[in-house]
PDB file of N, CA and C in Angstrom:
ATOM      1  N   MET A   1       0.737  -1.014  -0.105  1.00  0.00           N
ATOM      2  CA  MET A   1       0.108  -0.195   0.110  1.00  0.00           C
ATOM      3  C   MET A   1       0.914   1.234  -0.007  1.00  0.00           C
ATOM      4  N   PRO A   2       0.649   2.347  -0.386  1.00  0.00           N
ATOM      5  CA  PRO A   2       1.430   3.418  -0.578  1.00  0.00           C
ATOM      6  C   PRO A   2       1.486   4.879   0.217  1.00  0.00           C
ATOM      7  N   ASN A   3       2.160   5.244   0.585  1.00  0.00           N
ATOM      8  CA  ASN A   3       1.810   5.756   2.018  1.00  0.00           C
ATOM      9  C   ASN A   3       1.854   7.572   1.414  1.00  0.00           C
ATOM     10  N   PHE A   4       1.277   8.291   2.486  1.00  0.00           N
ATOM     11  CA  PHE A   4       0.682   9.453   1.890  1.00  0.00           C
ATOM     12  C   PHE A   4       1.214  10.598   3.247  1.00  0.00           C
ATOM     13  N   TYR A   5       0.706  12.322   2.753  1.00  0.00           N
ATOM     14  CA  TYR A   5       1.325  12.737   3.532  1.00  0.00           C
ATOM     15  C   TYR A   5       0.286  13.720   3.403  1.00  0.00           C
ATOM     16  N   VAL A   6       0.430  15.096   4.744  1.00  0.00           N
ATOM     17  CA  VAL A   6      -0.330  16.100   3.504  1.00  0.00           C
ATOM     18  C   VAL A   6       0.340  17.489   4.585  1.00  0.00           C
ATOM     19  N   ASN A   7       0.188  18.382   3.414  1.00  0.00           N
ATOM     20  CA  ASN A   7       0.883  19.550   3.460  1.00  0.00           C
ATOM     21  C   ASN A   7       0.553  20.332   4.876  1.00  0.00           C
ATOM     22  N   LYS A   8       1.163  20.529   5.692  1.00  0.00           N
ATOM     23  CA  LYS A   8       0.670  21.570   6.410  1.00  0.00           C
ATOM     24  C   LYS A   8       0.414  22.876   6.264  1.00  0.00           C
ATOM     25  N   ASN A   9       0.728  23.337   5.202  1.00  0.00           N
ATOM     26  CA  ASN A   9       0.910  24.467   4.628  1.00  0.00           C
ATOM     27  C   ASN A   9      -0.625  24.780   3.673  1.00  0.00           C
ATOM     28  N   LYS A  10      -1.084  25.442   3.838  1.00  0.00           N
ATOM     29  CA  LYS A  10      -2.605  26.030   3.551  1.00  0.00           C
ATOM     30  C   LYS A  10      -2.342  26.551   1.970  1.00  0.00           C
ATOM     31  N   GLN A  11      -3.417  25.518   0.905  1.00  0.00           N
ATOM     32  CA  GLN A  11      -3.160  26.428  -0.354  1.00  0.00           C
ATOM     33  C   GLN A  11      -3.712  27.783  -0.586  1.00  0.00           C
ATOM     34  N   ALA A  12      -4.019  28.834  -1.387  1.00  0.00           N
ATOM     35  CA  ALA A  12      -4.596  29.768  -1.029  1.00  0.00           C
ATOM     36  C   ALA A  12      -5.907  29.611  -1.290  1.00  0.00           C
ATOM     37  N   ASN A  13      -6.491  28.514  -1.389  1.00  0.00           N
ATOM     38  CA  ASN A  13      -8.159  28.128  -0.895  1.00  0.00           C
ATOM     39  C   ASN A  13      -8.508  27.812   0.601  1.00  0.00           C
ATOM     40  N   GLY A  14      -7.506  27.516   0.709  1.00  0.00           N
ATOM     41  CA  GLY A  14      -7.590  27.281   2.286  1.00  0.00           C
ATOM     42  C   GLY A  14      -7.282  25.789   2.379  1.00  0.00           C
ATOM     43  N   ASP A  15      -7.084  25.028   1.269  1.00  0.00           N
ATOM     44  CA  ASP A  15      -7.071  23.353   1.979  1.00  0.00           C
ATOM     45  C   ASP A  15      -6.065  22.931   1.855  1.00  0.00           C
ATOM     46  N   ASN A  16      -5.882  21.889   2.863  1.00  0.00           N
ATOM     47  CA  ASN A  16      -4.213  21.354   2.477  1.00  0.00           C
ATOM     48  C   ASN A  16      -4.032  20.236   1.920  1.00  0.00           C
ATOM     49  N   GLU A  17      -3.241  20.082   1.217  1.00  0.00           N
ATOM     50  CA  GLU A  17      -3.082  18.855   0.084  1.00  0.00           C
ATOM     51  C   GLU A  17      -2.638  17.972   0.652  1.00  0.00           C
ATOM     52  N   VAL A  18      -3.535  16.548   0.064  1.00  0.00           N
ATOM     53  CA  VAL A  18      -2.719  15.237   0.760  1.00  0.00           C
ATOM     54  C   VAL A  18      -1.981  14.882  -0.880  1.00  0.00           C
ATOM     55  N   HIS A  19      -0.962  13.965  -0.840  1.00  0.00           N
ATOM     56  CA  HIS A  19       0.035  13.908  -1.479  1.00  0.00           C
ATOM     57  C   HIS A  19       0.116  12.535  -1.805  1.00  0.00           C
ATOM     58  N   ARG A  20       0.857  11.340  -2.202  1.00  0.00           N
ATOM     59  CA  ARG A  20       1.423  10.459  -2.540  1.00  0.00           C
ATOM     60  C   ARG A  20       2.884  10.262  -1.780  1.00  0.00           C
ATOM     61  N   SER A  21       3.351   9.785  -1.101  1.00  0.00           N
ATOM     62  CA  SER A  21       4.902   9.765  -1.110  1.00  0.00           C
ATOM     63  C   SER A  21       5.638   9.024  -2.403  1.00  0.00           C
ATOM     64  N   ASP A  22       5.227   8.066  -2.910  1.00  0.00           N
ATOM     65  CA  ASP A  22       6.166   7.226  -3.547  1.00  0.00           C
ATOM     66  C   ASP A  22       5.815   7.761  -5.292  1.00  0.00           C
ATOM     67  N   GLU A  23       4.756   8.956  -5.341  1.00  0.00           N
ATOM     68  CA  GLU A  23       4.421   9.364  -6.455  1.00  0.00           C
ATOM     69  C   GLU A  23       5.828  10.397  -7.585  1.00  0.00           C
ATOM     70  N   VAL A  24       6.459   9.821  -8.070  1.00  0.00           N
ATOM     71  CA  VAL A  24       6.846  10.530  -9.407  1.00  0.00           C
ATOM     72  C   VAL A  24       6.408  11.270  -9.839  1.00  0.00           C
ATOM     73  N   GLY A  25       6.945  12.581  -9.897  1.00  0.00           N
ATOM     74  CA  GLY A  25       6.544  13.371 -10.905  1.00  0.00           C
ATOM     75  C   GLY A  25       5.155  14.483 -10.498  1.00  0.00           C
ATOM     76  N   CYS A  26       5.078  14.378  -9.078  1.00  0.00           N
ATOM     77  CA  CYS A  26       4.076  15.460  -8.547  1.00  0.00           C
ATOM     78  C   CYS A  26       4.869  16.677  -8.978  1.00  0.00           C
ATOM     79  N   GLN A  27       3.579  17.476  -9.621  1.00  0.00           N
ATOM     80  CA  GLN A  27       4.256  18.999  -9.752  1.00  0.00           C
ATOM     81  C   GLN A  27       4.116  19.625  -8.928  1.00  0.00           C
ATOM     82  N   ASN A  28       3.246  19.817  -7.323  1.00  0.00           N
ATOM     83  CA  ASN A  28       3.900  20.460  -6.452  1.00  0.00           C
ATOM     84  C   ASN A  28       3.923  19.718  -5.117  1.00  0.00           C
ATOM     85  N   PRO A  29       4.827  19.076  -4.578  1.00  0.00           N
ATOM     86  CA  PRO A  29       4.876  18.219  -3.697  1.00  0.00           C
ATOM     87  C   PRO A  29       5.660  19.257  -2.577  1.00  0.00           C
ATOM     88  N   ALA A  30       5.577  19.027  -1.466  1.00  0.00           N
ATOM     89  CA  ALA A  30       5.901  19.572   0.391  1.00  0.00           C
ATOM     90  C   ALA A  30       6.960  19.355   0.313  1.00  0.00           C
ATOM     91  N   SER A  31       7.493  20.532   1.088  1.00  0.00           N
ATOM     92  CA  SER A  31       9.126  20.349   1.356  1.00  0.00           C
ATOM     93  C   SER A  31       9.178  19.015   2.497  1.00  0.00           C
ATOM     94  N   SER A  32       9.800  18.321   2.856  1.00  0.00           N
ATOM     95  CA  SER A  32       9.977  17.612   4.068  1.00  0.00           C
ATOM     96  C   SER A  32       9.433  18.289   5.389  1.00  0.00           C
ATOM     97  N   ALA A  33      10.088  19.740   5.678  1.00  0.00           N
ATOM     98  CA  ALA A  33       9.629  20.423   6.832  1.00  0.00           C
ATOM     99  C   ALA A  33       8.074  20.732   7.048  1.00  0.00           C
ATOM    100  N   ASN A  34       7.323  20.553   5.692  1.00  0.00           N
ATOM    101  CA  ASN A  34       5.982  20.909   6.074  1.00  0.00           C
ATOM    102  C   ASN A  34       4.729  19.645   5.510  1.00  0.00           C
ATOM    103  N   ARG A  35       5.681  18.460   5.848  1.00  0.00           N
ATOM    104  CA  ARG A  35       4.813  17.267   5.600  1.00  0.00           C
ATOM    105  C   ARG A  35       4.254  16.741   6.858  1.00  0.00           C
ATOM    106  N   VAL A  36       3.326  16.171   6.894  1.00  0.00           N
ATOM    107  CA  VAL A  36       2.648  15.321   8.173  1.00  0.00           C
ATOM    108  C   VAL A  36       2.194  14.051   7.870  1.00  0.00           C
ATOM    109  N   ASP A  37       2.866  12.859   8.102  1.00  0.00           N
ATOM    110  CA  ASP A  37       2.806  11.334   7.616  1.00  0.00           C
ATOM    111  C   ASP A  37       1.522  10.877   7.757  1.00  0.00           C
ATOM    112  N   LEU A  38       0.722  10.675   7.118  1.00  0.00           N
ATOM    113  CA  LEU A  38      -0.437   9.738   6.826  1.00  0.00           C
ATOM    114  C   LEU A  38      -0.198   8.326   7.120  1.00  0.00           C
ATOM    115  N   GLY A  39       0.879   7.789   6.707  1.00  0.00           N
ATOM    116  CA  GLY A  39       0.345   6.078   6.647  1.00  0.00           C
ATOM    117  C   GLY A  39       0.544   5.870   5.305  1.00  0.00           C
ATOM    118  N   SER A  40       0.440   4.568   5.554  1.00  0.00           N
ATOM    119  CA  SER A  40      -0.292   3.709   4.777  1.00  0.00           C
ATOM    120  C   SER A  40      -1.571   3.486   4.224  1.00  0.00           C
ATOM    121  N   HIS A  41      -2.144   3.612   3.313  1.00  0.00           N
ATOM    122  CA  HIS A  41      -3.694   3.829   2.822  1.00  0.00           C
ATOM    123  C   HIS A  41      -3.775   3.013   1.435  1.00  0.00           C
ATOM    124  N   SER A  42      -5.216   2.018   0.938  1.00  0.00           N
ATOM    125  CA  SER A  42      -5.041   1.503  -0.015  1.00  0.00           C
ATOM    126  C   SER A  42      -5.205   2.756  -1.124  1.00  0.00           C
ATOM    127  N   ASP A  43      -5.606   3.659  -1.167  1.00  0.00           N
ATOM    128  CA  ASP A  43      -6.230   4.540  -1.907  1.00  0.00           C
ATOM    129  C   ASP A  43      -5.585   6.051  -1.106  1.00  0.00           C
ATOM    130  N   CYS A  44      -6.061   7.305  -2.152  1.00  0.00           N
ATOM    131  CA  CYS A  44      -6.225   8.360  -1.424  1.00  0.00           C
ATOM    132  C   CYS A  44      -7.505   8.742  -0.534  1.00  0.00           C
ATOM    133  N   HIS A  45      -8.476   7.861  -0.391  1.00  0.00           N
ATOM    134  CA  HIS A  45      -9.689   8.283  -0.129  1.00  0.00           C
ATOM    135  C   HIS A  45      -9.442   8.269   1.677  1.00  0.00           C
ATOM    136  N   GLY A  46      -8.934   6.971   1.958  1.00  0.00           N
ATOM    137  CA  GLY A  46      -8.331   6.726   3.474  1.00  0.00           C
ATOM    138  C   GLY A  46      -7.533   7.750   3.621  1.00  0.00           C
ATOM    139  N   ALA A  47      -6.517   8.004   2.686  1.00  0.00           N
ATOM    140  CA  ALA A  47      -5.251   9.232   3.531  1.00  0.00           C
ATOM    141  C   ALA A  47      -6.201  10.960   3.489  1.00  0.00           C
ATOM    142  N   VAL A  48      -7.364  11.194   3.096  1.00  0.00           N
ATOM    143  CA  VAL A  48      -7.903  12.146   2.881  1.00  0.00           C
ATOM    144  C   VAL A  48      -8.643  12.291   4.147  1.00  0.00           C
ATOM    145  N   GLN A  49      -9.795  11.418   4.567  1.00  0.00           N
ATOM    146  CA  GLN A  49      -9.868  10.912   5.856  1.00  0.00           C
ATOM    147  C   GLN A  49      -9.405  11.042   7.468  1.00  0.00           C
ATOM    148  N   ASN A  50      -8.117  10.863   6.941  1.00  0.00           N
ATOM    149  CA  ASN A  50      -6.823  10.228   7.867  1.00  0.00           C
ATOM    150  C   ASN A  50      -7.126  11.757   7.926  1.00  0.00           C
ATOM    151  N   ALA A  51      -6.793  12.705   7.125  1.00  0.00           N
ATOM    152  CA  ALA A  51      -5.783  14.241   7.256  1.00  0.00           C
ATOM    153  C   ALA A  51      -6.786  14.388   7.706  1.00  0.00           C
ATOM    154  N   LYS A  52      -8.497  14.558   7.228  1.00  0.00           N
ATOM    155  CA  LYS A  52      -9.833  15.608   7.857  1.00  0.00           C
ATOM    156  C   LYS A  52      -9.838  15.227   9.274  1.00  0.00           C
ATOM    157  N   SER A  53      -9.591  13.590   9.790  1.00  0.00           N
ATOM    158  CA  SER A  53      -9.879  13.533  11.593  1.00  0.00           C
ATOM    159  C   SER A  53      -8.781  14.195  11.717  1.00  0.00           C
ATOM    160  N   SER A  54      -7.585  14.215  11.891  1.00  0.00           N
ATOM    161  CA  SER A  54      -6.562  15.226  12.543  1.00  0.00           C
ATOM    162  C   SER A  54      -6.498  16.438  12.080  1.00  0.00           C
ATOM    163  N   GLY A  55      -7.516  16.857  11.518  1.00  0.00           N
ATOM    164  CA  GLY A  55      -7.889  18.541  11.635  1.00  0.00           C
ATOM    165  C   GLY A  55      -7.657  19.487  10.307  1.00  0.00           C
ATOM    166  N   TYR A  56      -7.293  18.651   9.165  1.00  0.00           N
ATOM    167  CA  TYR A  56      -6.775  19.682   7.883  1.00  0.00           C
ATOM    168  C   TYR A  56      -7.881  19.807   7.166  1.00  0.00           C
ATOM    169  N   ASN A  57      -8.005  20.523   6.910  1.00  0.00           N
ATOM    170  CA  ASN A  57      -9.087  21.052   5.701  1.00  0.00           C
ATOM    171  C   ASN A  57      -8.276  20.300   4.153  1.00  0.00           C
ATOM    172  N   ALA A  58      -8.396  19.284   4.247  1.00  0.00           N
ATOM    173  CA  ALA A  58      -7.841  18.066   3.412  1.00  0.00           C
ATOM    174  C   ALA A  58      -8.420  17.736   1.990  1.00  0.00           C
ATOM    175  N   ASN A  59      -7.820  17.946   0.905  1.00  0.00           N
ATOM    176  CA  ASN A  59      -8.010  17.531  -0.420  1.00  0.00           C
ATOM    177  C   ASN A  59      -7.190  16.849  -1.272  1.00  0.00           C
ATOM    178  N   GLY A  60      -7.305  15.789  -2.062  1.00  0.00           N
ATOM    179  CA  GLY A  60      -6.007  15.669  -2.612  1.00  0.00           C
ATOM    180  C   GLY A  60      -5.290  16.256  -3.854  1.00  0.00           C
ATOM    181  N   CYS A  61      -4.564  16.454  -3.741  1.00  0.00           N
ATOM    182  CA  CYS A  61      -3.599  17.083  -4.717  1.00  0.00           C
ATOM    183  C   CYS A  61      -3.914  16.418  -6.323  1.00  0.00           C
ATOM    184  N   TYR A  62      -4.226  17.510  -7.553  1.00  0.00           N
ATOM    185  CA  TYR A  62      -4.739  17.390  -8.557  1.00  0.00           C
ATOM    186  C   TYR A  62      -3.583  16.568  -9.256  1.00  0.00           C
ATOM    187  N   TYR A  63      -2.330  16.557  -8.933  1.00  0.00           N
ATOM    188  CA  TYR A  63      -1.109  15.330  -9.764  1.00  0.00           C
ATOM    189  C   TYR A  63      -0.627  14.345  -9.522  1.00  0.00           C
ATOM    190  N   CYS A  64      -0.774  14.121  -7.541  1.00  0.00           N
ATOM    191  CA  CYS A  64      -0.727  12.549  -7.490  1.00  0.00           C
ATOM    192  C   CYS A  64      -1.558  11.726  -6.655  1.00  0.00           C
ATOM    193  N   CYS A  65      -3.099  12.793  -6.640  1.00  0.00           N
ATOM    194  CA  CYS A  65      -4.182  12.087  -5.833  1.00  0.00           C
ATOM    195  C   CYS A  65      -4.949  12.800  -6.596  1.00  0.00           C
ATOM    196  N   ASN A  66      -5.844  13.190  -7.462  1.00  0.00           N
ATOM    197  CA  ASN A  66      -6.286  13.155  -9.018  1.00  0.00           C
ATOM    198  C   ASN A  66      -7.812  12.721  -8.756  1.00  0.00           C
ATOM    199  N   ALA A  67      -7.732  11.293  -7.939  1.00  0.00           N
ATOM    200  CA  ALA A  67      -9.223  10.983  -7.515  1.00  0.00           C
ATOM    201  C   ALA A  67      -9.563  11.758  -6.081  1.00  0.00           C
ATOM    202  N   CYS A  68      -8.935  12.360  -5.791  1.00  0.00           N
ATOM    203  CA  CYS A  68     -10.095  12.691  -4.439  1.00  0.00           C
ATOM    204  C   CYS A  68      -9.599  14.344  -4.659  1.00  0.00           C
ATOM    205  N   HIS A  69      -8.989  14.861  -5.498  1.00  0.00           N
ATOM    206  CA  HIS A  69      -8.880  16.431  -5.724  1.00  0.00           C
ATOM    207  C   HIS A  69     -10.503  16.593  -5.657  1.00  0.00           C
ATOM    208  N   THR A  70     -10.928  17.851  -5.456  1.00  0.00           N
ATOM    209  CA  THR A  70     -12.291  18.394  -5.673  1.00  0.00           C
ATOM    210  C   THR A  70     -12.703  19.305  -5.715  1.00  0.00           C
ATOM    211  N   THR A  71     -11.555  20.447  -5.079  1.00  0.00           N
ATOM    212  CA  THR A  71     -11.128  22.296  -5.457  1.00  0.00           C
ATOM    213  C   THR A  71     -10.017  22.150  -6.155  1.00  0.00           C
TER     214      THR A  71
END
């Protein structure tokens, strides 16, 4: 199962983007200092839910978690 993380820094729209750790080619990765590990999940939906339950306004990254990207 892939590992995911959430970016602690909010985007201009207020979202904290969830990224797949092993995704090569993501156009908008967070620096290692701004990442919060979300652990392994079978897909981005579980990772986004994990981030939301931790208090983040989570949304999937357009590039590496497009199935969970809503805004």
